[in-house]
């Protein structure tokens, strides 16, 4: 079973820019509905493989997007 993480942003447009940045970094990402236990804000989040968390953080830091949080999905 694969462990996943999610990156949360404060707007749908920031989420889409984050998706583009992670794909450009060679990561496989998927837009998913925002897990309600994490937030009720934006409505969508980015899912990625948890083992690639450091790569995701690095790629997102380069975009200067405001990342609300990165969480492991249980």
PDB file of N, CA and C in Angstrom:
ATOM      1  N   UNK A   1       0.840  -1.183   0.000  1.00  0.00           N
ATOM      2  CA  UNK A   1       0.000   0.000   0.000  1.00  0.00           C
ATOM      3  C   UNK A   1       0.886   1.249   0.000  1.00  0.00           C
ATOM      4  N   UNK A   2       0.601   2.176  -0.878  1.00  0.00           N
ATOM      5  CA  UNK A   2       1.394   3.394  -1.002  1.00  0.00           C
ATOM      6  C   UNK A   2       0.903   4.439  -0.010  1.00  0.00           C
ATOM      7  N   UNK A   3       1.855   5.070   0.673  1.00  0.00           N
ATOM      8  CA  UNK A   3       1.522   6.197   1.541  1.00  0.00           C
ATOM      9  C   UNK A   3       1.522   7.465   0.702  1.00  0.00           C
ATOM     10  N   UNK A   4       0.541   8.320   0.953  1.00  0.00           N
ATOM     11  CA  UNK A   4       0.433   9.561   0.209  1.00  0.00           C
ATOM     12  C   UNK A   4       0.520  10.755   1.143  1.00  0.00           C
ATOM     13  N   UNK A   5       0.896  11.865   0.568  1.00  0.00           N
ATOM     14  CA  UNK A   5       0.857  13.139   1.255  1.00  0.00           C
ATOM     15  C   UNK A   5       0.003  14.087   0.451  1.00  0.00           C
ATOM     16  N   UNK A   6      -0.431  15.158   1.095  1.00  0.00           N
ATOM     17  CA  UNK A   6      -1.186  16.184   0.394  1.00  0.00           C
ATOM     18  C   UNK A   6      -0.579  17.537   0.688  1.00  0.00           C
ATOM     19  N   UNK A   7      -0.557  18.366  -0.338  1.00  0.00           N
ATOM     20  CA  UNK A   7      -0.130  19.754  -0.191  1.00  0.00           C
ATOM     21  C   UNK A   7      -1.376  20.617  -0.276  1.00  0.00           C
ATOM     22  N   UNK A   8      -1.514  21.514   0.712  1.00  0.00           N
ATOM     23  CA  UNK A   8      -2.681  22.376   0.791  1.00  0.00           C
ATOM     24  C   UNK A   8      -2.298  23.808   0.458  1.00  0.00           C
ATOM     25  N   UNK A   9      -3.160  24.471  -0.284  1.00  0.00           N
ATOM     26  CA  UNK A   9      -2.945  25.859  -0.695  1.00  0.00           C
ATOM     27  C   UNK A   9      -4.175  26.674  -0.332  1.00  0.00           C
ATOM     28  N   UNK A  10      -4.054  27.995  -0.415  1.00  0.00           N
ATOM     29  CA  UNK A  10      -5.174  28.836  -0.014  1.00  0.00           C
ATOM     30  C   UNK A  10      -6.123  29.201  -1.145  1.00  0.00           C
ATOM     31  N   UNK A  11      -5.841  28.743  -2.359  1.00  0.00           N
ATOM     32  CA  UNK A  11      -6.746  29.027  -3.473  1.00  0.00           C
ATOM     33  C   UNK A  11      -6.609  27.949  -4.547  1.00  0.00           C
ATOM     34  N   UNK A  12      -7.645  27.779  -5.343  1.00  0.00           N
ATOM     35  CA  UNK A  12      -7.555  26.825  -6.443  1.00  0.00           C
ATOM     36  C   UNK A  12      -6.444  27.179  -7.437  1.00  0.00           C
ATOM     37  N   UNK A  13      -6.240  28.463  -7.709  1.00  0.00           N
ATOM     38  CA  UNK A  13      -5.201  28.842  -8.672  1.00  0.00           C
ATOM     39  C   UNK A  13      -3.813  28.501  -8.134  1.00  0.00           C
ATOM     40  N   UNK A  14      -3.591  28.682  -6.842  1.00  0.00           N
ATOM     41  CA  UNK A  14      -2.298  28.307  -6.253  1.00  0.00           C
ATOM     42  C   UNK A  14      -2.108  26.794  -6.313  1.00  0.00           C
ATOM     43  N   UNK A  15      -3.181  26.040  -6.110  1.00  0.00           N
ATOM     44  CA  UNK A  15      -3.104  24.588  -6.191  1.00  0.00           C
ATOM     45  C   UNK A  15      -2.714  24.154  -7.595  1.00  0.00           C
ATOM     46  N   UNK A  16      -3.291  24.781  -8.604  1.00  0.00           N
ATOM     47  CA  UNK A  16      -2.965  24.445  -9.993  1.00  0.00           C
ATOM     48  C   UNK A  16      -1.521  24.811 -10.328  1.00  0.00           C
ATOM     49  N   UNK A  17      -1.041  25.936  -9.812  1.00  0.00           N
ATOM     50  CA  UNK A  17       0.366  26.299 -10.032  1.00  0.00           C
ATOM     51  C   UNK A  17       1.285  25.323  -9.315  1.00  0.00           C
ATOM     52  N   UNK A  18       0.882  24.870  -8.139  1.00  0.00           N
ATOM     53  CA  UNK A  18       1.655  23.865  -7.417  1.00  0.00           C
ATOM     54  C   UNK A  18       1.702  22.552  -8.178  1.00  0.00           C
ATOM     55  N   UNK A  19       0.581  22.169  -8.773  1.00  0.00           N
ATOM     56  CA  UNK A  19       0.531  20.952  -9.582  1.00  0.00           C
ATOM     57  C   UNK A  19       1.527  21.051 -10.746  1.00  0.00           C
ATOM     58  N   UNK A  20       1.527  22.180 -11.405  1.00  0.00           N
ATOM     59  CA  UNK A  20       2.437  22.388 -12.535  1.00  0.00           C
ATOM     60  C   UNK A  20       3.895  22.286 -12.080  1.00  0.00           C
ATOM     61  N   UNK A  21       4.213  22.866 -10.924  1.00  0.00           N
ATOM     62  CA  UNK A  21       5.593  22.835 -10.417  1.00  0.00           C
ATOM     63  C   UNK A  21       6.028  21.414 -10.078  1.00  0.00           C
ATOM     64  N   UNK A  22       5.147  20.643  -9.458  1.00  0.00           N
ATOM     65  CA  UNK A  22       5.517  19.277  -9.086  1.00  0.00           C
ATOM     66  C   UNK A  22       5.648  18.381 -10.314  1.00  0.00           C
ATOM     67  N   UNK A  23       4.784  18.575 -11.294  1.00  0.00           N
ATOM     68  CA  UNK A  23       4.913  17.804 -12.531  1.00  0.00           C
ATOM     69  C   UNK A  23       6.204  18.165 -13.256  1.00  0.00           C
ATOM     70  N   UNK A  24       6.552  19.443 -13.251  1.00  0.00           N
ATOM     71  CA  UNK A  24       7.802  19.881 -13.883  1.00  0.00           C
ATOM     72  C   UNK A  24       9.008  19.251 -13.189  1.00  0.00           C
ATOM     73  N   UNK A  25       8.875  18.993 -11.886  1.00  0.00           N
ATOM     74  CA  UNK A  25       9.948  18.347 -11.113  1.00  0.00           C
ATOM     75  C   UNK A  25       9.960  16.833 -11.321  1.00  0.00           C
ATOM     76  N   UNK A  26       9.068  16.336 -12.182  1.00  0.00           N
ATOM     77  CA  UNK A  26       9.049  14.917 -12.507  1.00  0.00           C
ATOM     78  C   UNK A  26       8.240  14.063 -11.550  1.00  0.00           C
ATOM     79  N   UNK A  27       7.420  14.697 -10.738  1.00  0.00           N
ATOM     80  CA  UNK A  27       6.620  13.955  -9.766  1.00  0.00           C
ATOM     81  C   UNK A  27       5.251  13.612 -10.338  1.00  0.00           C
ATOM     82  N   UNK A  28       4.713  12.501  -9.876  1.00  0.00           N
ATOM     83  CA  UNK A  28       3.357  12.129 -10.230  1.00  0.00           C
ATOM     84  C   UNK A  28       2.439  12.697  -9.156  1.00  0.00           C
ATOM     85  N   UNK A  29       1.549  13.583  -9.555  1.00  0.00           N
ATOM     86  CA  UNK A  29       0.631  14.222  -8.611  1.00  0.00           C
ATOM     87  C   UNK A  29      -0.798  14.093  -9.132  1.00  0.00           C
ATOM     88  N   UNK A  30      -1.725  14.254  -8.213  1.00  0.00           N
ATOM     89  CA  UNK A  30      -3.134  14.169  -8.581  1.00  0.00           C
ATOM     90  C   UNK A  30      -3.903  15.211  -7.787  1.00  0.00           C
ATOM     91  N   UNK A  31      -4.796  15.924  -8.467  1.00  0.00           N
ATOM     92  CA  UNK A  31      -5.703  16.834  -7.779  1.00  0.00           C
ATOM     93  C   UNK A  31      -6.794  16.003  -7.122  1.00  0.00           C
ATOM     94  N   UNK A  32      -7.042  16.260  -5.834  1.00  0.00           N
ATOM     95  CA  UNK A  32      -8.061  15.523  -5.101  1.00  0.00           C
ATOM     96  C   UNK A  32      -8.936  16.511  -4.327  1.00  0.00           C
ATOM     97  N   UNK A  33     -10.138  16.091  -3.941  1.00  0.00           N
ATOM     98  CA  UNK A  33     -10.939  16.950  -3.061  1.00  0.00           C
ATOM     99  C   UNK A  33     -10.197  17.158  -1.742  1.00  0.00           C
ATOM    100  N   UNK A  34     -10.307  18.336  -1.184  1.00  0.00           N
ATOM    101  CA  UNK A  34      -9.653  18.644   0.084  1.00  0.00           C
ATOM    102  C   UNK A  34     -10.180  17.712   1.174  1.00  0.00           C
ATOM    103  N   UNK A  35      -9.298  16.974   1.831  1.00  0.00           N
ATOM    104  CA  UNK A  35      -9.763  16.142   2.956  1.00  0.00           C
ATOM    105  C   UNK A  35     -10.355  17.043   4.042  1.00  0.00           C
ATOM    106  N   UNK A  36     -11.585  16.799   4.416  1.00  0.00           N
ATOM    107  CA  UNK A  36     -12.295  17.663   5.370  1.00  0.00           C
ATOM    108  C   UNK A  36     -11.607  17.727   6.726  1.00  0.00           C
ATOM    109  N   UNK A  37     -10.912  16.659   7.091  1.00  0.00           N
ATOM    110  CA  UNK A  37     -10.238  16.674   8.388  1.00  0.00           C
ATOM    111  C   UNK A  37      -9.035  17.616   8.409  1.00  0.00           C
ATOM    112  N   UNK A  38      -8.593  18.053   7.231  1.00  0.00           N
ATOM    113  CA  UNK A  38      -7.445  18.951   7.158  1.00  0.00           C
ATOM    114  C   UNK A  38      -7.850  20.413   6.988  1.00  0.00           C
ATOM    115  N   UNK A  39      -8.869  20.673   6.175  1.00  0.00           N
ATOM    116  CA  UNK A  39      -9.283  22.055   5.938  1.00  0.00           C
ATOM    117  C   UNK A  39     -10.588  22.088   5.166  1.00  0.00           C
ATOM    118  N   UNK A  40     -11.284  23.195   5.285  1.00  0.00           N
ATOM    119  CA  UNK A  40     -12.502  23.379   4.497  1.00  0.00           C
ATOM    120  C   UNK A  40     -12.354  24.564   3.547  1.00  0.00           C
ATOM    121  N   UNK A  41     -11.129  25.048   3.367  1.00  0.00           N
ATOM    122  CA  UNK A  41     -10.890  26.263   2.582  1.00  0.00           C
ATOM    123  C   UNK A  41     -11.045  26.079   1.087  1.00  0.00           C
ATOM    124  N   UNK A  42      -9.989  25.746   0.429  1.00  0.00           N
ATOM    125  CA  UNK A  42      -9.870  25.830  -1.024  1.00  0.00           C
ATOM    126  C   UNK A  42     -10.762  24.852  -1.784  1.00  0.00           C
ATOM    127  N   UNK A  43     -10.895  23.641  -1.309  1.00  0.00           N
ATOM    128  CA  UNK A  43     -11.712  22.666  -2.007  1.00  0.00           C
ATOM    129  C   UNK A  43     -10.923  21.595  -2.726  1.00  0.00           C
ATOM    130  N   UNK A  44      -9.686  21.904  -3.150  1.00  0.00           N
ATOM    131  CA  UNK A  44      -8.850  20.895  -3.802  1.00  0.00           C
ATOM    132  C   UNK A  44      -7.462  20.904  -3.173  1.00  0.00           C
ATOM    133  N   UNK A  45      -6.807  19.760  -3.290  1.00  0.00           N
ATOM    134  CA  UNK A  45      -5.449  19.605  -2.764  1.00  0.00           C
ATOM    135  C   UNK A  45      -4.637  18.785  -3.769  1.00  0.00           C
ATOM    136  N   UNK A  46      -3.339  18.752  -3.576  1.00  0.00           N
ATOM    137  CA  UNK A  46      -2.458  17.951  -4.424  1.00  0.00           C
ATOM    138  C   UNK A  46      -2.007  16.718  -3.663  1.00  0.00           C
ATOM    139  N   UNK A  47      -2.202  15.561  -4.253  1.00  0.00           N
ATOM    140  CA  UNK A  47      -1.738  14.320  -3.639  1.00  0.00           C
ATOM    141  C   UNK A  47      -0.454  13.876  -4.328  1.00  0.00           C
ATOM    142  N   UNK A  48       0.488  13.408  -3.538  1.00  0.00           N
ATOM    143  CA  UNK A  48       1.751  12.903  -4.061  1.00  0.00           C
ATOM    144  C   UNK A  48       2.194  11.732  -3.196  1.00  0.00           C
ATOM    145  N   UNK A  49       3.174  10.986  -3.666  1.00  0.00           N
ATOM    146  CA  UNK A  49       3.707   9.866  -2.903  1.00  0.00           C
ATOM    147  C   UNK A  49       4.521  10.404  -1.736  1.00  0.00           C
ATOM    148  N   UNK A  50       4.213   9.945  -0.526  1.00  0.00           N
ATOM    149  CA  UNK A  50       4.814  10.486   0.692  1.00  0.00           C
ATOM    150  C   UNK A  50       6.346  10.356   0.687  1.00  0.00           C
ATOM    151  N   UNK A  51       6.871   9.326   0.079  1.00  0.00           N
ATOM    152  CA  UNK A  51       8.327   9.154   0.046  1.00  0.00           C
ATOM    153  C   UNK A  51       9.017  10.264  -0.748  1.00  0.00           C
ATOM    154  N   UNK A  52       8.260  11.022  -1.529  1.00  0.00           N
ATOM    155  CA  UNK A  52       8.795  12.141  -2.304  1.00  0.00           C
ATOM    156  C   UNK A  52       8.534  13.492  -1.636  1.00  0.00           C
ATOM    157  N   UNK A  53       8.240  13.471  -0.346  1.00  0.00           N
ATOM    158  CA  UNK A  53       7.889  14.688   0.389  1.00  0.00           C
ATOM    159  C   UNK A  53       8.964  15.757   0.288  1.00  0.00           C
ATOM    160  N   UNK A  54      10.222  15.391   0.487  1.00  0.00           N
ATOM    161  CA  UNK A  54      11.303  16.384   0.430  1.00  0.00           C
ATOM    162  C   UNK A  54      11.407  16.999  -0.954  1.00  0.00           C
ATOM    163  N   UNK A  55      11.249  16.195  -1.977  1.00  0.00           N
ATOM    164  CA  UNK A  55      11.280  16.699  -3.356  1.00  0.00           C
ATOM    165  C   UNK A  55      10.115  17.661  -3.584  1.00  0.00           C
ATOM    166  N   UNK A  56       8.940  17.323  -3.064  1.00  0.00           N
ATOM    167  CA  UNK A  56       7.776  18.192  -3.207  1.00  0.00           C
ATOM    168  C   UNK A  56       7.996  19.523  -2.497  1.00  0.00           C
ATOM    169  N   UNK A  57       8.517  19.465  -1.269  1.00  0.00           N
ATOM    170  CA  UNK A  57       8.774  20.699  -0.516  1.00  0.00           C
ATOM    171  C   UNK A  57       9.769  21.587  -1.245  1.00  0.00           C
ATOM    172  N   UNK A  58      10.811  20.975  -1.797  1.00  0.00           N
ATOM    173  CA  UNK A  58      11.827  21.730  -2.521  1.00  0.00           C
ATOM    174  C   UNK A  58      11.248  22.379  -3.778  1.00  0.00           C
ATOM    175  N   UNK A  59      10.489  21.622  -4.546  1.00  0.00           N
ATOM    176  CA  UNK A  59       9.898  22.158  -5.780  1.00  0.00           C
ATOM    177  C   UNK A  59       8.915  23.282  -5.472  1.00  0.00           C
ATOM    178  N   UNK A  60       8.125  23.127  -4.421  1.00  0.00           N
ATOM    179  CA  UNK A  60       7.155  24.161  -4.066  1.00  0.00           C
ATOM    180  C   UNK A  60       7.835  25.400  -3.502  1.00  0.00           C
ATOM    181  N   UNK A  61       8.932  25.226  -2.790  1.00  0.00           N
ATOM    182  CA  UNK A  61       9.668  26.371  -2.251  1.00  0.00           C
ATOM    183  C   UNK A  61      10.209  27.248  -3.376  1.00  0.00           C
ATOM    184  N   UNK A  62      10.581  26.644  -4.478  1.00  0.00           N
ATOM    185  CA  UNK A  62      11.115  27.394  -5.608  1.00  0.00           C
ATOM    186  C   UNK A  62      10.038  28.235  -6.299  1.00  0.00           C
ATOM    187  N   UNK A  63       8.765  27.870  -6.122  1.00  0.00           N
ATOM    188  CA  UNK A  63       7.687  28.604  -6.779  1.00  0.00           C
ATOM    189  C   UNK A  63       7.271  29.846  -5.998  1.00  0.00           C
ATOM    190  N   UNK A  64       7.656  29.895  -4.743  1.00  0.00           N
ATOM    191  CA  UNK A  64       7.265  30.975  -3.825  1.00  0.00           C
ATOM    192  C   UNK A  64       5.751  31.023  -3.597  1.00  0.00           C
ATOM    193  N   UNK A  65       5.082  29.903  -3.822  1.00  0.00           N
ATOM    194  CA  UNK A  65       3.658  29.814  -3.516  1.00  0.00           C
ATOM    195  C   UNK A  65       3.482  29.685  -2.010  1.00  0.00           C
ATOM    196  N   UNK A  66       2.401  30.214  -1.502  1.00  0.00           N
ATOM    197  CA  UNK A  66       2.090  30.070  -0.079  1.00  0.00           C
ATOM    198  C   UNK A  66       1.464  28.697   0.136  1.00  0.00           C
ATOM    199  N   UNK A  67       2.256  27.774   0.650  1.00  0.00           N
ATOM    200  CA  UNK A  67       1.762  26.441   0.958  1.00  0.00           C
ATOM    201  C   UNK A  67       1.182  26.488   2.368  1.00  0.00           C
ATOM    202  N   UNK A  68      -0.091  26.152   2.499  1.00  0.00           N
ATOM    203  CA  UNK A  68      -0.752  26.167   3.807  1.00  0.00           C
ATOM    204  C   UNK A  68      -0.242  25.031   4.670  1.00  0.00           C
ATOM    205  N   UNK A  69       0.028  23.895   4.050  1.00  0.00           N
ATOM    206  CA  UNK A  69       0.546  22.766   4.805  1.00  0.00           C
ATOM    207  C   UNK A  69       0.785  21.566   3.931  1.00  0.00           C
ATOM    208  N   UNK A  70       1.622  20.675   4.437  1.00  0.00           N
ATOM    209  CA  UNK A  70       1.863  19.388   3.797  1.00  0.00           C
ATOM    210  C   UNK A  70       1.603  18.340   4.878  1.00  0.00           C
ATOM    211  N   UNK A  71       0.704  17.395   4.566  1.00  0.00           N
ATOM    212  CA  UNK A  71       0.287  16.414   5.544  1.00  0.00           C
ATOM    213  C   UNK A  71       0.330  15.024   4.961  1.00  0.00           C
ATOM    214  N   UNK A  72       0.553  14.061   5.840  1.00  0.00           N
ATOM    215  CA  UNK A  72       0.505  12.650   5.435  1.00  0.00           C
ATOM    216  C   UNK A  72      -0.930  12.172   5.526  1.00  0.00           C
ATOM    217  N   UNK A  73      -1.379  11.487   4.481  1.00  0.00           N
ATOM    218  CA  UNK A  73      -2.724  10.914   4.501  1.00  0.00           C
ATOM    219  C   UNK A  73      -2.668   9.575   5.221  1.00  0.00           C
ATOM    220  N   UNK A  74      -3.571   9.375   6.124  1.00  0.00           N
ATOM    221  CA  UNK A  74      -3.625   8.122   6.890  1.00  0.00           C
ATOM    222  C   UNK A  74      -4.603   7.180   6.241  1.00  0.00           C
TER     223      UNK A  74
END
